[in-house]
N, C-alpha and C. Protein backbone atom coordinates (compact mmCIF):
# COMPACT_ATOMS: atom_id res chain seq x y z
N MET A 1 -13.38 -4.93 -17.05
CA MET A 1 -14.73 -5.11 -16.55
C MET A 1 -15.01 -4.01 -15.51
N LEU A 2 -16.08 -3.28 -15.69
CA LEU A 2 -16.45 -2.21 -14.78
C LEU A 2 -17.28 -2.80 -13.64
N CYS A 3 -16.85 -2.54 -12.42
CA CYS A 3 -17.54 -3.03 -11.23
C CYS A 3 -17.94 -1.82 -10.40
N ALA A 4 -19.15 -1.84 -9.90
CA ALA A 4 -19.62 -0.67 -9.16
C ALA A 4 -19.95 -0.99 -7.71
N ASP A 5 -19.65 -2.20 -7.24
CA ASP A 5 -20.01 -2.59 -5.90
C ASP A 5 -18.77 -3.06 -5.15
N LEU A 6 -18.69 -2.75 -3.89
CA LEU A 6 -17.56 -3.15 -3.07
C LEU A 6 -17.43 -4.67 -2.99
N ASP A 7 -18.56 -5.38 -3.07
CA ASP A 7 -18.55 -6.83 -2.99
C ASP A 7 -17.89 -7.49 -4.20
N ASP A 8 -17.69 -6.73 -5.28
CA ASP A 8 -17.06 -7.27 -6.48
C ASP A 8 -15.54 -7.37 -6.36
N PHE A 9 -14.97 -6.83 -5.28
CA PHE A 9 -13.51 -6.79 -5.11
C PHE A 9 -13.07 -7.58 -3.90
N GLN A 10 -11.84 -8.09 -3.96
CA GLN A 10 -11.21 -8.78 -2.85
C GLN A 10 -9.81 -8.21 -2.67
N PRO A 11 -9.28 -8.16 -1.45
CA PRO A 11 -7.89 -7.73 -1.27
C PRO A 11 -6.96 -8.64 -2.08
N GLY A 12 -5.99 -8.03 -2.73
CA GLY A 12 -5.04 -8.78 -3.55
C GLY A 12 -5.35 -8.78 -5.02
N GLU A 13 -6.55 -8.33 -5.41
CA GLU A 13 -6.91 -8.27 -6.83
C GLU A 13 -6.24 -7.07 -7.49
N THR A 14 -5.93 -7.23 -8.77
CA THR A 14 -5.30 -6.16 -9.54
C THR A 14 -6.39 -5.37 -10.25
N VAL A 15 -6.28 -4.03 -10.19
CA VAL A 15 -7.25 -3.14 -10.81
C VAL A 15 -6.53 -2.07 -11.63
N ILE A 16 -7.27 -1.43 -12.51
CA ILE A 16 -6.76 -0.28 -13.27
C ILE A 16 -7.43 0.96 -12.69
N THR A 17 -6.62 1.94 -12.31
CA THR A 17 -7.13 3.17 -11.73
C THR A 17 -7.54 4.15 -12.84
N PRO A 18 -8.22 5.23 -12.51
CA PRO A 18 -8.61 6.20 -13.54
C PRO A 18 -7.42 6.80 -14.31
N SER A 19 -6.25 6.84 -13.69
CA SER A 19 -5.06 7.36 -14.38
C SER A 19 -4.44 6.33 -15.32
N GLY A 20 -4.95 5.09 -15.30
CA GLY A 20 -4.44 4.04 -16.17
C GLY A 20 -3.34 3.19 -15.55
N ARG A 21 -3.00 3.46 -14.30
CA ARG A 21 -1.97 2.68 -13.63
C ARG A 21 -2.54 1.43 -12.99
N LEU A 22 -1.73 0.37 -12.91
CA LEU A 22 -2.14 -0.86 -12.25
C LEU A 22 -1.92 -0.72 -10.75
N ALA A 23 -2.87 -1.25 -9.98
CA ALA A 23 -2.78 -1.20 -8.53
C ALA A 23 -3.36 -2.48 -7.95
N VAL A 24 -2.96 -2.79 -6.73
CA VAL A 24 -3.46 -3.96 -6.01
C VAL A 24 -4.37 -3.46 -4.89
N VAL A 25 -5.54 -4.07 -4.75
CA VAL A 25 -6.48 -3.71 -3.69
C VAL A 25 -5.89 -4.15 -2.35
N LYS A 26 -5.76 -3.22 -1.42
CA LYS A 26 -5.21 -3.52 -0.09
C LYS A 26 -6.31 -3.65 0.95
N LYS A 27 -7.28 -2.71 0.93
CA LYS A 27 -8.35 -2.69 1.92
C LYS A 27 -9.68 -2.36 1.27
N LEU A 28 -10.75 -2.87 1.85
CA LEU A 28 -12.10 -2.52 1.47
C LEU A 28 -12.68 -1.70 2.62
N LEU A 29 -13.10 -0.48 2.31
CA LEU A 29 -13.61 0.43 3.34
C LEU A 29 -15.09 0.67 3.09
N ALA A 30 -15.92 0.27 4.03
CA ALA A 30 -17.37 0.45 3.89
C ALA A 30 -17.88 1.34 5.02
N GLY A 31 -18.41 2.49 4.67
CA GLY A 31 -19.01 3.38 5.65
C GLY A 31 -18.04 3.93 6.68
N THR A 32 -16.81 4.20 6.28
CA THR A 32 -15.81 4.67 7.24
C THR A 32 -15.78 6.18 7.39
N SER A 33 -16.41 6.90 6.49
CA SER A 33 -16.40 8.36 6.56
C SER A 33 -17.57 8.86 7.38
N LYS A 34 -17.34 9.93 8.13
CA LYS A 34 -18.42 10.53 8.92
C LYS A 34 -19.29 11.46 8.09
N LYS A 35 -18.77 11.90 6.93
CA LYS A 35 -19.49 12.87 6.12
C LYS A 35 -20.31 12.26 5.00
N ASP A 36 -19.96 11.05 4.56
CA ASP A 36 -20.74 10.38 3.51
C ASP A 36 -20.71 8.87 3.73
N CYS A 37 -21.52 8.16 3.00
CA CYS A 37 -21.63 6.71 3.20
C CYS A 37 -21.07 5.92 2.02
N PHE A 38 -20.18 6.52 1.23
CA PHE A 38 -19.62 5.84 0.07
C PHE A 38 -18.62 4.77 0.50
N SER A 39 -18.65 3.66 -0.21
CA SER A 39 -17.65 2.61 -0.02
C SER A 39 -16.40 3.01 -0.78
N ARG A 40 -15.25 2.56 -0.30
CA ARG A 40 -13.99 2.91 -0.95
C ARG A 40 -13.03 1.73 -0.93
N LEU A 41 -12.08 1.76 -1.87
CA LEU A 41 -11.00 0.78 -1.94
C LEU A 41 -9.70 1.51 -1.70
N THR A 42 -8.83 0.95 -0.89
CA THR A 42 -7.47 1.47 -0.77
C THR A 42 -6.60 0.56 -1.62
N CYS A 43 -5.89 1.16 -2.57
CA CYS A 43 -5.08 0.41 -3.52
C CYS A 43 -3.64 0.91 -3.49
N ARG A 44 -2.69 -0.02 -3.76
CA ARG A 44 -1.28 0.35 -3.85
C ARG A 44 -0.82 0.15 -5.28
N TYR A 45 -0.21 1.20 -5.84
CA TYR A 45 0.27 1.14 -7.22
C TYR A 45 1.39 0.12 -7.36
N LEU A 46 1.34 -0.68 -8.43
CA LEU A 46 2.36 -1.69 -8.66
C LEU A 46 3.69 -1.06 -9.07
N ASP A 47 3.65 0.08 -9.74
CA ASP A 47 4.88 0.70 -10.19
C ASP A 47 5.40 1.75 -9.21
N GLY A 48 4.83 1.79 -8.02
CA GLY A 48 5.26 2.77 -7.01
C GLY A 48 5.88 2.09 -5.81
N GLY A 49 6.14 2.88 -4.81
CA GLY A 49 6.73 2.38 -3.58
C GLY A 49 5.68 1.77 -2.67
N PRO A 50 6.11 1.25 -1.51
CA PRO A 50 5.16 0.60 -0.59
C PRO A 50 4.14 1.56 0.02
N ARG A 51 4.43 2.85 -0.02
CA ARG A 51 3.48 3.83 0.53
C ARG A 51 2.79 4.64 -0.56
N ASP A 52 2.87 4.19 -1.78
CA ASP A 52 2.23 4.87 -2.92
C ASP A 52 0.80 4.34 -3.04
N LEU A 53 -0.11 4.91 -2.23
CA LEU A 53 -1.48 4.43 -2.11
C LEU A 53 -2.47 5.43 -2.68
N VAL A 54 -3.65 4.92 -3.03
CA VAL A 54 -4.75 5.76 -3.48
C VAL A 54 -6.04 5.15 -2.93
N THR A 55 -6.99 6.01 -2.57
CA THR A 55 -8.30 5.55 -2.11
C THR A 55 -9.34 6.01 -3.12
N LEU A 56 -10.09 5.04 -3.68
CA LEU A 56 -11.05 5.32 -4.74
C LEU A 56 -12.37 4.63 -4.45
N GLN A 57 -13.43 5.14 -5.08
CA GLN A 57 -14.72 4.47 -5.01
C GLN A 57 -14.73 3.31 -6.01
N PRO A 58 -15.49 2.26 -5.72
CA PRO A 58 -15.47 1.08 -6.59
C PRO A 58 -15.82 1.35 -8.06
N HIS A 59 -16.69 2.30 -8.33
CA HIS A 59 -17.07 2.55 -9.72
C HIS A 59 -15.97 3.24 -10.51
N GLN A 60 -14.90 3.68 -9.84
CA GLN A 60 -13.81 4.38 -10.51
C GLN A 60 -12.71 3.44 -11.01
N VAL A 61 -12.74 2.19 -10.62
CA VAL A 61 -11.68 1.26 -11.03
C VAL A 61 -12.26 0.11 -11.84
N ARG A 62 -11.38 -0.54 -12.61
CA ARG A 62 -11.76 -1.73 -13.39
C ARG A 62 -10.85 -2.87 -12.99
N LYS A 63 -11.41 -4.08 -12.92
CA LYS A 63 -10.60 -5.26 -12.64
C LYS A 63 -9.69 -5.53 -13.82
N GLN A 64 -8.48 -5.99 -13.53
CA GLN A 64 -7.52 -6.32 -14.57
C GLN A 64 -6.95 -7.69 -14.28
N GLU A 65 -7.03 -8.57 -15.26
CA GLU A 65 -6.44 -9.89 -15.13
C GLU A 65 -4.97 -9.79 -15.48
N VAL A 66 -4.09 -10.09 -14.52
CA VAL A 66 -2.65 -10.05 -14.74
C VAL A 66 -2.12 -11.46 -14.53
N PRO A 67 -1.39 -12.02 -15.50
CA PRO A 67 -0.80 -13.34 -15.29
C PRO A 67 0.11 -13.31 -14.06
N LYS A 68 0.06 -14.35 -13.26
CA LYS A 68 0.81 -14.39 -12.01
C LYS A 68 2.30 -14.20 -12.22
N ARG A 69 2.84 -14.65 -13.34
CA ARG A 69 4.29 -14.55 -13.56
C ARG A 69 4.73 -13.10 -13.80
N ASP A 70 3.79 -12.20 -14.15
CA ASP A 70 4.14 -10.82 -14.41
C ASP A 70 4.15 -9.95 -13.16
N VAL A 71 3.65 -10.49 -12.05
CA VAL A 71 3.54 -9.71 -10.82
C VAL A 71 4.44 -10.34 -9.76
N ASP A 72 5.25 -9.52 -9.13
CA ASP A 72 6.11 -9.98 -8.04
C ASP A 72 5.22 -10.38 -6.87
N PRO A 73 5.36 -11.61 -6.34
CA PRO A 73 4.48 -12.04 -5.24
C PRO A 73 4.56 -11.13 -4.02
N ARG A 74 5.69 -10.47 -3.80
CA ARG A 74 5.80 -9.57 -2.66
C ARG A 74 4.89 -8.36 -2.82
N GLN A 75 4.53 -8.00 -4.06
CA GLN A 75 3.64 -6.87 -4.28
C GLN A 75 2.21 -7.21 -3.93
N LEU A 76 1.86 -8.48 -3.92
CA LEU A 76 0.50 -8.89 -3.60
C LEU A 76 0.32 -9.14 -2.11
N ASP A 77 1.40 -9.25 -1.37
CA ASP A 77 1.34 -9.51 0.05
C ASP A 77 0.71 -8.31 0.76
N LEU A 78 -0.27 -8.57 1.59
CA LEU A 78 -0.96 -7.48 2.28
C LEU A 78 -0.09 -6.82 3.34
N PHE A 79 0.93 -7.52 3.80
CA PHE A 79 1.78 -6.97 4.86
C PHE A 79 3.25 -6.97 4.41
N ALA A 80 3.51 -6.48 3.22
CA ALA A 80 4.86 -6.52 2.65
C ALA A 80 5.78 -5.50 3.31
N VAL A 81 5.22 -4.44 3.86
CA VAL A 81 6.06 -3.40 4.46
C VAL A 81 6.37 -3.80 5.90
N LYS A 82 7.63 -3.96 6.17
CA LYS A 82 8.06 -4.29 7.53
C LYS A 82 8.92 -3.15 8.04
N TYR A 83 8.62 -2.70 9.24
CA TYR A 83 9.36 -1.58 9.81
C TYR A 83 10.47 -2.10 10.71
N ALA A 84 11.64 -1.53 10.55
CA ALA A 84 12.80 -1.97 11.34
C ALA A 84 12.84 -1.29 12.69
């Protein structure tokens, strides 16, 4: 499903990025840039490390329904990275 508005997403939702990789929405960024007023999503790739992030505009990603048993619950946690 193609979504073009920031309100269509929630942190923790699974999306497909333009490269075809699955990612989890971590943050919703609205009007954070000084040079433009585009909304953005910060997403973490499911097949990458805890710092494997990408920031995209909402129209660039699609929502993906993933059965809960296929996703490690720690990957959906917004604060999974703990620093020692």
